[in-house]
Amino acid sequence: MAQQAITLKIAGKSYSLNIEREKEEVYRLAEREVNNYLAAIKQNNFKNWTDQDYLSMAALKFAIALVDMRQSREVGDDDVKHLGRLGEEIDAYLNTLKG
């Protein structure tokens, strides 16, 4: 896969990265998401908070979202397995009606 050099600016600081060319849009959207969230929480003007504090809270927010997504996906897998078992039971029942 072709690599591409890009620069992202997060919390006013520039970061140079080499990424897969096809993923540039994802990186740009993520950059925008982080900066938008930082701007929103900075409006609260927490006393004695540094940029590191705001960045830490942004990292926590996105980590919580990731954990929530993983947990909801796990629940979905259990539901799919349960539906599969129910489907097998229905098939078995219908097969007894044929005989």
PDB file of N, CA and C in Angstrom:
ATOM      1  N   MET A   1       0.832  -1.178   0.000  1.00  0.00           N
ATOM      2  CA  MET A   1       0.000   0.000   0.000  1.00  0.00           C
ATOM      3  C   MET A   1       0.880   1.247   0.000  1.00  0.00           C
ATOM      4  N   ALA A   2       0.444   2.228  -0.746  1.00  0.00           N
ATOM      5  CA  ALA A   2       1.220   3.456  -0.893  1.00  0.00           C
ATOM      6  C   ALA A   2       1.166   4.294   0.377  1.00  0.00           C
ATOM      7  N   GLN A   3       2.321   4.787   0.777  1.00  0.00           N
ATOM      8  CA  GLN A   3       2.429   5.642   1.960  1.00  0.00           C
ATOM      9  C   GLN A   3       2.364   7.106   1.541  1.00  0.00           C
ATOM     10  N   GLN A   4       1.934   7.925   2.480  1.00  0.00           N
ATOM     11  CA  GLN A   4       1.820   9.365   2.233  1.00  0.00           C
ATOM     12  C   GLN A   4       2.181  10.099   3.505  1.00  0.00           C
ATOM     13  N   ALA A   5       2.923  11.191   3.356  1.00  0.00           N
ATOM     14  CA  ALA A   5       3.273  12.034   4.493  1.00  0.00           C
ATOM     15  C   ALA A   5       2.182  13.087   4.658  1.00  0.00           C
ATOM     16  N   ILE A   6       1.669  13.198   5.888  1.00  0.00           N
ATOM     17  CA  ILE A   6       0.679  14.238   6.189  1.00  0.00           C
ATOM     18  C   ILE A   6       1.079  14.913   7.493  1.00  0.00           C
ATOM     19  N   THR A   7       0.512  16.074   7.707  1.00  0.00           N
ATOM     20  CA  THR A   7       0.711  16.784   8.967  1.00  0.00           C
ATOM     21  C   THR A   7      -0.655  17.049   9.577  1.00  0.00           C
ATOM     22  N   LEU A   8      -0.813  16.616  10.816  1.00  0.00           N
ATOM     23  CA  LEU A   8      -2.042  16.870  11.555  1.00  0.00           C
ATOM     24  C   LEU A   8      -1.749  17.883  12.638  1.00  0.00           C
ATOM     25  N   LYS A   9      -2.707  18.751  12.902  1.00  0.00           N
ATOM     26  CA  LYS A   9      -2.539  19.741  13.956  1.00  0.00           C
ATOM     27  C   LYS A   9      -3.581  19.466  15.032  1.00  0.00           C
ATOM     28  N   ILE A  10      -3.099  19.097  16.214  1.00  0.00           N
ATOM     29  CA  ILE A  10      -3.977  18.776  17.339  1.00  0.00           C
ATOM     30  C   ILE A  10      -3.586  19.660  18.510  1.00  0.00           C
ATOM     31  N   ALA A  11      -4.572  20.351  19.046  1.00  0.00           N
ATOM     32  CA  ALA A  11      -4.357  21.272  20.168  1.00  0.00           C
ATOM     33  C   ALA A  11      -3.253  22.277  19.862  1.00  0.00           C
ATOM     34  N   GLY A  12      -3.211  22.716  18.608  1.00  0.00           N
ATOM     35  CA  GLY A  12      -2.246  23.729  18.229  1.00  0.00           C
ATOM     36  C   GLY A  12      -0.855  23.222  17.915  1.00  0.00           C
ATOM     37  N   LYS A  13      -0.613  21.935  18.031  1.00  0.00           N
ATOM     38  CA  LYS A  13       0.709  21.380  17.759  1.00  0.00           C
ATOM     39  C   LYS A  13       0.636  20.506  16.507  1.00  0.00           C
ATOM     40  N   SER A  14       1.641  20.634  15.652  1.00  0.00           N
ATOM     41  CA  SER A  14       1.684  19.870  14.405  1.00  0.00           C
ATOM     42  C   SER A  14       2.407  18.546  14.599  1.00  0.00           C
ATOM     43  N   TYR A  15       1.867  17.520  13.951  1.00  0.00           N
ATOM     44  CA  TYR A  15       2.448  16.182  14.005  1.00  0.00           C
ATOM     45  C   TYR A  15       2.580  15.657  12.582  1.00  0.00           C
ATOM     46  N   SER A  16       3.797  15.308  12.186  1.00  0.00           N
ATOM     47  CA  SER A  16       4.043  14.729  10.866  1.00  0.00           C
ATOM     48  C   SER A  16       3.949  13.220  10.968  1.00  0.00           C
ATOM     49  N   LEU A  17       3.177  12.637  10.068  1.00  0.00           N
ATOM     50  CA  LEU A  17       2.961  11.189  10.083  1.00  0.00           C
ATOM     51  C   LEU A  17       3.093  10.623   8.676  1.00  0.00           C
ATOM     52  N   ASN A  18       3.519   9.375   8.578  1.00  0.00           N
ATOM     53  CA  ASN A  18       3.463   8.621   7.327  1.00  0.00           C
ATOM     54  C   ASN A  18       2.335   7.614   7.476  1.00  0.00           C
ATOM     55  N   ILE A  19       1.362   7.703   6.593  1.00  0.00           N
ATOM     56  CA  ILE A  19       0.178   6.852   6.691  1.00  0.00           C
ATOM     57  C   ILE A  19      -0.103   6.210   5.341  1.00  0.00           C
ATOM     58  N   GLU A  20      -0.990   5.225   5.348  1.00  0.00           N
ATOM     59  CA  GLU A  20      -1.459   4.647   4.094  1.00  0.00           C
ATOM     60  C   GLU A  20      -2.330   5.687   3.401  1.00  0.00           C
ATOM     61  N   ARG A  21      -2.093   5.891   2.141  1.00  0.00           N
ATOM     62  CA  ARG A  21      -2.791   6.924   1.373  1.00  0.00           C
ATOM     63  C   ARG A  21      -4.312   6.796   1.496  1.00  0.00           C
ATOM     64  N   GLU A  22      -4.809   5.584   1.518  1.00  0.00           N
ATOM     65  CA  GLU A  22      -6.251   5.341   1.564  1.00  0.00           C
ATOM     66  C   GLU A  22      -6.879   5.759   2.899  1.00  0.00           C
ATOM     67  N   LYS A  23      -6.068   5.961   3.924  1.00  0.00           N
ATOM     68  CA  LYS A  23      -6.587   6.278   5.257  1.00  0.00           C
ATOM     69  C   LYS A  23      -6.530   7.765   5.592  1.00  0.00           C
ATOM     70  N   GLU A  24      -6.135   8.581   4.634  1.00  0.00           N
ATOM     71  CA  GLU A  24      -5.982  10.010   4.931  1.00  0.00           C
ATOM     72  C   GLU A  24      -7.285  10.627   5.436  1.00  0.00           C
ATOM     73  N   GLU A  25      -8.388  10.306   4.809  1.00  0.00           N
ATOM     74  CA  GLU A  25      -9.666  10.899   5.232  1.00  0.00           C
ATOM     75  C   GLU A  25      -9.993  10.544   6.680  1.00  0.00           C
ATOM     76  N   VAL A  26      -9.706   9.308   7.075  1.00  0.00           N
ATOM     77  CA  VAL A  26      -9.959   8.874   8.454  1.00  0.00           C
ATOM     78  C   VAL A  26      -9.118   9.707   9.422  1.00  0.00           C
ATOM     79  N   TYR A  27      -7.854   9.915   9.099  1.00  0.00           N
ATOM     80  CA  TYR A  27      -6.976  10.714   9.946  1.00  0.00           C
ATOM     81  C   TYR A  27      -7.460  12.160  10.034  1.00  0.00           C
ATOM     82  N   ARG A  28      -7.885  12.718   8.907  1.00  0.00           N
ATOM     83  CA  ARG A  28      -8.361  14.107   8.896  1.00  0.00           C
ATOM     84  C   ARG A  28      -9.648  14.254   9.715  1.00  0.00           C
ATOM     85  N   LEU A  29     -10.547  13.280   9.589  1.00  0.00           N
ATOM     86  CA  LEU A  29     -11.779  13.310  10.378  1.00  0.00           C
ATOM     87  C   LEU A  29     -11.483  13.168  11.868  1.00  0.00           C
ATOM     88  N   ALA A  30     -10.540  12.304  12.207  1.00  0.00           N
ATOM     89  CA  ALA A  30     -10.158  12.122  13.609  1.00  0.00           C
ATOM     90  C   ALA A  30      -9.530  13.397  14.165  1.00  0.00           C
ATOM     91  N   GLU A  31      -8.673  14.037  13.372  1.00  0.00           N
ATOM     92  CA  GLU A  31      -8.064  15.308  13.778  1.00  0.00           C
ATOM     93  C   GLU A  31      -9.155  16.340  14.081  1.00  0.00           C
ATOM     94  N   ARG A  32     -10.119  16.445  13.204  1.00  0.00           N
ATOM     95  CA  ARG A  32     -11.217  17.405  13.388  1.00  0.00           C
ATOM     96  C   ARG A  32     -12.037  17.062  14.628  1.00  0.00           C
ATOM     97  N   GLU A  33     -12.301  15.781  14.828  1.00  0.00           N
ATOM     98  CA  GLU A  33     -13.091  15.337  15.982  1.00  0.00           C
ATOM     99  C   GLU A  33     -12.401  15.689  17.296  1.00  0.00           C
ATOM    100  N   VAL A  34     -11.106  15.420  17.391  1.00  0.00           N
ATOM    101  CA  VAL A  34     -10.353  15.726  18.608  1.00  0.00           C
ATOM    102  C   VAL A  34     -10.344  17.236  18.857  1.00  0.00           C
ATOM    103  N   ASN A  35     -10.050  17.996  17.835  1.00  0.00           N
ATOM    104  CA  ASN A  35      -9.994  19.458  18.012  1.00  0.00           C
ATOM    105  C   ASN A  35     -11.356  20.043  18.357  1.00  0.00           C
ATOM    106  N   ASN A  36     -12.426  19.527  17.769  1.00  0.00           N
ATOM    107  CA  ASN A  36     -13.768  20.001  18.117  1.00  0.00           C
ATOM    108  C   ASN A  36     -14.106  19.681  19.568  1.00  0.00           C
ATOM    109  N   TYR A  37     -13.749  18.476  20.006  1.00  0.00           N
ATOM    110  CA  TYR A  37     -14.026  18.105  21.395  1.00  0.00           C
ATOM    111  C   TYR A  37     -13.206  18.963  22.360  1.00  0.00           C
ATOM    112  N   LEU A  38     -11.930  19.182  22.029  1.00  0.00           N
ATOM    113  CA  LEU A  38     -11.089  20.028  22.882  1.00  0.00           C
ATOM    114  C   LEU A  38     -11.667  21.437  22.997  1.00  0.00           C
ATOM    115  N   ALA A  39     -12.114  21.982  21.882  1.00  0.00           N
ATOM    116  CA  ALA A  39     -12.700  23.332  21.900  1.00  0.00           C
ATOM    117  C   ALA A  39     -13.947  23.358  22.781  1.00  0.00           C
ATOM    118  N   ALA A  40     -14.756  22.294  22.707  1.00  0.00           N
ATOM    119  CA  ALA A  40     -15.987  22.245  23.504  1.00  0.00           C
ATOM    120  C   ALA A  40     -15.687  22.167  24.997  1.00  0.00           C
ATOM    121  N   ILE A  41     -14.725  21.341  25.396  1.00  0.00           N
ATOM    122  CA  ILE A  41     -14.464  21.229  26.833  1.00  0.00           C
ATOM    123  C   ILE A  41     -13.674  22.426  27.363  1.00  0.00           C
ATOM    124  N   LYS A  42     -12.909  23.076  26.512  1.00  0.00           N
ATOM    125  CA  LYS A  42     -12.185  24.280  26.952  1.00  0.00           C
ATOM    126  C   LYS A  42     -13.147  25.424  27.253  1.00  0.00           C
ATOM    127  N   GLN A  43     -14.334  25.395  26.681  1.00  0.00           N
ATOM    128  CA  GLN A  43     -15.325  26.431  26.962  1.00  0.00           C
ATOM    129  C   GLN A  43     -15.772  26.395  28.424  1.00  0.00           C
ATOM    130  N   ASN A  44     -15.568  25.260  29.092  1.00  0.00           N
ATOM    131  CA  ASN A  44     -15.932  25.143  30.504  1.00  0.00           C
ATOM    132  C   ASN A  44     -14.968  25.906  31.413  1.00  0.00           C
ATOM    133  N   ASN A  45     -13.796  26.260  30.899  1.00  0.00           N
ATOM    134  CA  ASN A  45     -12.793  27.007  31.659  1.00  0.00           C
ATOM    135  C   ASN A  45     -12.545  26.423  33.053  1.00  0.00           C
ATOM    136  N   PHE A  46     -12.185  25.156  33.098  1.00  0.00           N
ATOM    137  CA  PHE A  46     -11.868  24.537  34.378  1.00  0.00           C
ATOM    138  C   PHE A  46     -10.658  25.232  34.986  1.00  0.00           C
ATOM    139  N   LYS A  47     -10.767  25.556  36.239  1.00  0.00           N
ATOM    140  CA  LYS A  47      -9.706  26.301  36.929  1.00  0.00           C
ATOM    141  C   LYS A  47      -8.446  25.438  37.031  1.00  0.00           C
ATOM    142  N   ASN A  48      -7.316  26.027  36.711  1.00  0.00           N
ATOM    143  CA  ASN A  48      -5.996  25.392  36.808  1.00  0.00           C
ATOM    144  C   ASN A  48      -5.789  24.213  35.860  1.00  0.00           C
ATOM    145  N   TRP A  49      -6.595  24.107  34.829  1.00  0.00           N
ATOM    146  CA  TRP A  49      -6.391  23.022  33.866  1.00  0.00           C
ATOM    147  C   TRP A  49      -5.400  23.466  32.800  1.00  0.00           C
ATOM    148  N   THR A  50      -4.484  22.560  32.464  1.00  0.00           N
ATOM    149  CA  THR A  50      -3.521  22.807  31.393  1.00  0.00           C
ATOM    150  C   THR A  50      -4.022  22.129  30.118  1.00  0.00           C
ATOM    151  N   ASP A  51      -3.321  22.377  29.011  1.00  0.00           N
ATOM    152  CA  ASP A  51      -3.669  21.680  27.766  1.00  0.00           C
ATOM    153  C   ASP A  51      -3.566  20.170  27.951  1.00  0.00           C
ATOM    154  N   GLN A  52      -2.617  19.725  28.770  1.00  0.00           N
ATOM    155  CA  GLN A  52      -2.473  18.291  29.022  1.00  0.00           C
ATOM    156  C   GLN A  52      -3.725  17.742  29.706  1.00  0.00           C
ATOM    157  N   ASP A  53      -4.306  18.494  30.625  1.00  0.00           N
ATOM    158  CA  ASP A  53      -5.539  18.051  31.288  1.00  0.00           C
ATOM    159  C   ASP A  53      -6.673  17.902  30.271  1.00  0.00           C
ATOM    160  N   TYR A  54      -6.794  18.891  29.399  1.00  0.00           N
ATOM    161  CA  TYR A  54      -7.847  18.823  28.379  1.00  0.00           C
ATOM    162  C   TYR A  54      -7.613  17.651  27.427  1.00  0.00           C
ATOM    163  N   LEU A  55      -6.360  17.458  27.025  1.00  0.00           N
ATOM    164  CA  LEU A  55      -6.043  16.326  26.154  1.00  0.00           C
ATOM    165  C   LEU A  55      -6.305  14.990  26.854  1.00  0.00           C
ATOM    166  N   SER A  56      -6.017  14.927  28.145  1.00  0.00           N
ATOM    167  CA  SER A  56      -6.289  13.701  28.910  1.00  0.00           C
ATOM    168  C   SER A  56      -7.781  13.393  28.931  1.00  0.00           C
ATOM    169  N   MET A  57      -8.596  14.424  29.114  1.00  0.00           N
ATOM    170  CA  MET A  57     -10.049  14.226  29.125  1.00  0.00           C
ATOM    171  C   MET A  57     -10.562  13.829  27.743  1.00  0.00           C
ATOM    172  N   ALA A  58      -9.945  14.372  26.702  1.00  0.00           N
ATOM    173  CA  ALA A  58     -10.318  13.973  25.341  1.00  0.00           C
ATOM    174  C   ALA A  58      -9.957  12.507  25.109  1.00  0.00           C
ATOM    175  N   ALA A  59      -8.768  12.106  25.544  1.00  0.00           N
ATOM    176  CA  ALA A  59      -8.358  10.710  25.396  1.00  0.00           C
ATOM    177  C   ALA A  59      -9.306   9.794  26.163  1.00  0.00           C
ATOM    178  N   LEU A  60      -9.699  10.208  27.364  1.00  0.00           N
ATOM    179  CA  LEU A  60     -10.633   9.415  28.162  1.00  0.00           C
ATOM    180  C   LEU A  60     -11.976   9.283  27.452  1.00  0.00           C
ATOM    181  N   LYS A  61     -12.479  10.391  26.892  1.00  0.00           N
ATOM    182  CA  LYS A  61     -13.762  10.366  26.185  1.00  0.00           C
ATOM    183  C   LYS A  61     -13.730   9.361  25.038  1.00  0.00           C
ATOM    184  N   PHE A  62     -12.659   9.401  24.234  1.00  0.00           N
ATOM    185  CA  PHE A  62     -12.579   8.507  23.088  1.00  0.00           C
ATOM    186  C   PHE A  62     -12.338   7.062  23.519  1.00  0.00           C
ATOM    187  N   ALA A  63     -11.616   6.851  24.612  1.00  0.00           N
ATOM    188  CA  ALA A  63     -11.422   5.492  25.131  1.00  0.00           C
ATOM    189  C   ALA A  63     -12.743   4.923  25.641  1.00  0.00           C
ATOM    190  N   ILE A  64     -13.532   5.738  26.309  1.00  0.00           N
ATOM    191  CA  ILE A  64     -14.848   5.286  26.787  1.00  0.00           C
ATOM    192  C   ILE A  64     -15.727   4.919  25.605  1.00  0.00           C
ATOM    193  N   ALA A  65     -15.715   5.738  24.563  1.00  0.00           N
ATOM    194  CA  ALA A  65     -16.511   5.437  23.368  1.00  0.00           C
ATOM    195  C   ALA A  65     -16.064   4.120  22.740  1.00  0.00           C
ATOM    196  N   LEU A  66     -14.758   3.865  22.707  1.00  0.00           N
ATOM    197  CA  LEU A  66     -14.240   2.615  22.149  1.00  0.00           C
ATOM    198  C   LEU A  66     -14.673   1.418  22.984  1.00  0.00           C
ATOM    199  N   VAL A  67     -14.573   1.536  24.304  1.00  0.00           N
ATOM    200  CA  VAL A  67     -14.987   0.446  25.197  1.00  0.00           C
ATOM    201  C   VAL A  67     -16.482   0.179  25.039  1.00  0.00           C
ATOM    202  N   ASP A  68     -17.282   1.249  24.995  1.00  0.00           N
ATOM    203  CA  ASP A  68     -18.728   1.081  24.793  1.00  0.00           C
ATOM    204  C   ASP A  68     -19.020   0.362  23.485  1.00  0.00           C
ATOM    205  N   MET A  69     -18.316   0.751  22.433  1.00  0.00           N
ATOM    206  CA  MET A  69     -18.529   0.127  21.131  1.00  0.00           C
ATOM    207  C   MET A  69     -18.166  -1.358  21.177  1.00  0.00           C
ATOM    208  N   ARG A  70     -17.040  -1.668  21.793  1.00  0.00           N
ATOM    209  CA  ARG A  70     -16.628  -3.078  21.903  1.00  0.00           C
ATOM    210  C   ARG A  70     -17.640  -3.886  22.706  1.00  0.00           C
ATOM    211  N   GLN A  71     -18.123  -3.326  23.809  1.00  0.00           N
ATOM    212  CA  GLN A  71     -19.088  -4.046  24.637  1.00  0.00           C
ATOM    213  C   GLN A  71     -20.398  -4.240  23.889  1.00  0.00           C
ATOM    214  N   SER A  72     -20.843  -3.244  23.151  1.00  0.00           N
ATOM    215  CA  SER A  72     -22.098  -3.397  22.413  1.00  0.00           C
ATOM    216  C   SER A  72     -21.933  -4.424  21.301  1.00  0.00           C
ATOM    217  N   ARG A  73     -20.756  -4.495  20.717  1.00  0.00           N
ATOM    218  CA  ARG A  73     -20.494  -5.491  19.679  1.00  0.00           C
ATOM    219  C   ARG A  73     -20.503  -6.896  20.284  1.00  0.00           C
ATOM    220  N   GLU A  74     -19.935  -7.042  21.477  1.00  0.00           N
ATOM    221  CA  GLU A  74     -19.919  -8.340  22.151  1.00  0.00           C
ATOM    222  C   GLU A  74     -21.340  -8.794  22.448  1.00  0.00           C
ATOM    223  N   VAL A  75     -22.167  -7.879  22.918  1.00  0.00           N
ATOM    224  CA  VAL A  75     -23.560  -8.220  23.194  1.00  0.00           C
ATOM    225  C   VAL A  75     -24.235  -8.640  21.911  1.00  0.00           C
ATOM    226  N   GLY A  76     -23.935  -7.963  20.823  1.00  0.00           N
ATOM    227  CA  GLY A  76     -24.500  -8.307  19.531  1.00  0.00           C
ATOM    228  C   GLY A  76     -24.112  -9.710  19.115  1.00  0.00           C
ATOM    229  N   ASP A  77     -22.849 -10.098  19.360  1.00  0.00           N
ATOM    230  CA  ASP A  77     -22.411 -11.446  19.021  1.00  0.00           C
ATOM    231  C   ASP A  77     -23.197 -12.494  19.800  1.00  0.00           C
ATOM    232  N   ASP A  78     -23.445 -12.233  21.078  1.00  0.00           N
ATOM    233  CA  ASP A  78     -24.237 -13.169  21.882  1.00  0.00           C
ATOM    234  C   ASP A  78     -25.650 -13.286  21.341  1.00  0.00           C
ATOM    235  N   ASP A  79     -26.214 -12.158  20.947  1.00  0.00           N
ATOM    236  CA  ASP A  79     -27.562 -12.169  20.383  1.00  0.00           C
ATOM    237  C   ASP A  79     -27.608 -12.986  19.102  1.00  0.00           C
ATOM    238  N   VAL A  80     -26.592 -12.843  18.252  1.00  0.00           N
ATOM    239  CA  VAL A  80     -26.537 -13.595  16.997  1.00  0.00           C
ATOM    240  C   VAL A  80     -26.427 -15.091  17.295  1.00  0.00           C
ATOM    241  N   LYS A  81     -25.609 -15.443  18.272  1.00  0.00           N
ATOM    242  CA  LYS A  81     -25.474 -16.849  18.638  1.00  0.00           C
ATOM    243  C   LYS A  81     -26.797 -17.396  19.155  1.00  0.00           C
ATOM    244  N   HIS A  82     -27.472 -16.610  19.974  1.00  0.00           N
ATOM    245  CA  HIS A  82     -28.768 -17.032  20.520  1.00  0.00           C
ATOM    246  C   HIS A  82     -29.781 -17.227  19.387  1.00  0.00           C
ATOM    247  N   LEU A  83     -29.806 -16.294  18.453  1.00  0.00           N
ATOM    248  CA  LEU A  83     -30.719 -16.432  17.317  1.00  0.00           C
ATOM    249  C   LEU A  83     -30.379 -17.667  16.487  1.00  0.00           C
ATOM    250  N   GLY A  84     -29.105 -17.960  16.345  1.00  0.00           N
ATOM    251  CA  GLY A  84     -28.697 -19.171  15.625  1.00  0.00           C
ATOM    252  C   GLY A  84     -29.216 -20.428  16.306  1.00  0.00           C
ATOM    253  N   ARG A  85     -29.113 -20.476  17.632  1.00  0.00           N
ATOM    254  CA  ARG A  85     -29.631 -21.635  18.374  1.00  0.00           C
ATOM    255  C   ARG A  85     -31.143 -21.748  18.234  1.00  0.00           C
ATOM    256  N   LEU A  86     -31.820 -20.598  18.304  1.00  0.00           N
ATOM    257  CA  LEU A  86     -33.276 -20.616  18.117  1.00  0.00           C
ATOM    258  C   LEU A  86     -33.647 -21.108  16.723  1.00  0.00           C
ATOM    259  N   GLY A  87     -32.878 -20.681  15.735  1.00  0.00           N
ATOM    260  CA  GLY A  87     -33.114 -21.150  14.369  1.00  0.00           C
ATOM    261  C   GLY A  87     -32.950 -22.652  14.254  1.00  0.00           C
ATOM    262  N   GLU A  88     -31.941 -23.194  14.922  1.00  0.00           N
ATOM    263  CA  GLU A  88     -31.725 -24.650  14.912  1.00  0.00           C
ATOM    264  C   GLU A  88     -32.883 -25.372  15.584  1.00  0.00           C
ATOM    265  N   GLU A  89     -33.375 -24.824  16.695  1.00  0.00           N
ATOM    266  CA  GLU A  89     -34.515 -25.436  17.385  1.00  0.00           C
ATOM    267  C   GLU A  89     -35.766 -25.414  16.507  1.00  0.00           C
ATOM    268  N   ILE A  90     -35.983 -24.310  15.815  1.00  0.00           N
ATOM    269  CA  ILE A  90     -37.146 -24.208  14.928  1.00  0.00           C
ATOM    270  C   ILE A  90     -37.015 -25.206  13.787  1.00  0.00           C
ATOM    271  N   ASP A  91     -35.817 -25.306  13.205  1.00  0.00           N
ATOM    272  CA  ASP A  91     -35.610 -26.289  12.141  1.00  0.00           C
ATOM    273  C   ASP A  91     -35.868 -27.699  12.632  1.00  0.00           C
ATOM    274  N   ALA A  92     -35.379 -28.019  13.828  1.00  0.00           N
ATOM    275  CA  ALA A  92     -35.603 -29.360  14.390  1.00  0.00           C
ATOM    276  C   ALA A  92     -37.085 -29.611  14.599  1.00  0.00           C
ATOM    277  N   TYR A  93     -37.789 -28.628  15.091  1.00  0.00           N
ATOM    278  CA  TYR A  93     -39.230 -28.773  15.319  1.00  0.00           C
ATOM    279  C   TYR A  93     -39.963 -28.960  13.993  1.00  0.00           C
ATOM    280  N   LEU A  94     -39.620 -28.164  12.999  1.00  0.00           N
ATOM    281  CA  LEU A  94     -40.281 -28.294  11.687  1.00  0.00           C
ATOM    282  C   LEU A  94     -39.984 -29.656  11.058  1.00  0.00           C
ATOM    283  N   ASN A  95     -38.777 -30.169  11.300  1.00  0.00           N
ATOM    284  CA  ASN A  95     -38.436 -31.495  10.764  1.00  0.00           C
ATOM    285  C   ASN A  95     -39.264 -32.582  11.429  1.00  0.00           C
ATOM    286  N   THR A  96     -39.625 -32.406  12.707  1.00  0.00           N
ATOM    287  CA  THR A  96     -40.474 -33.417  13.347  1.00  0.00           C
ATOM    288  C   THR A  96     -41.893 -33.367  12.783  1.00  0.00           C
ATOM    289  N   LEU A  97     -42.348 -32.241  12.308  1.00  0.00           N
ATOM    290  CA  LEU A  97     -43.679 -32.115  11.723  1.00  0.00           C
ATOM    291  C   LEU A  97     -43.735 -32.776  10.346  1.00  0.00           C
ATOM    292  N   LYS A  98     -42.620 -32.821   9.639  1.00  0.00           N
ATOM    293  CA  LYS A  98     -42.586 -33.431   8.316  1.00  0.00           C
ATOM    294  C   LYS A  98     -42.745 -34.943   8.409  1.00  0.00           C
ATOM    295  N   GLY A  99     -42.219 -35.530   9.468  1.00  0.00           N
ATOM    296  CA  GLY A  99     -42.145 -36.968   9.580  1.00  0.00           C
ATOM    297  C   GLY A  99     -43.348 -37.608  10.076  1.00  0.00           C
TER     298      GLY A  99
END
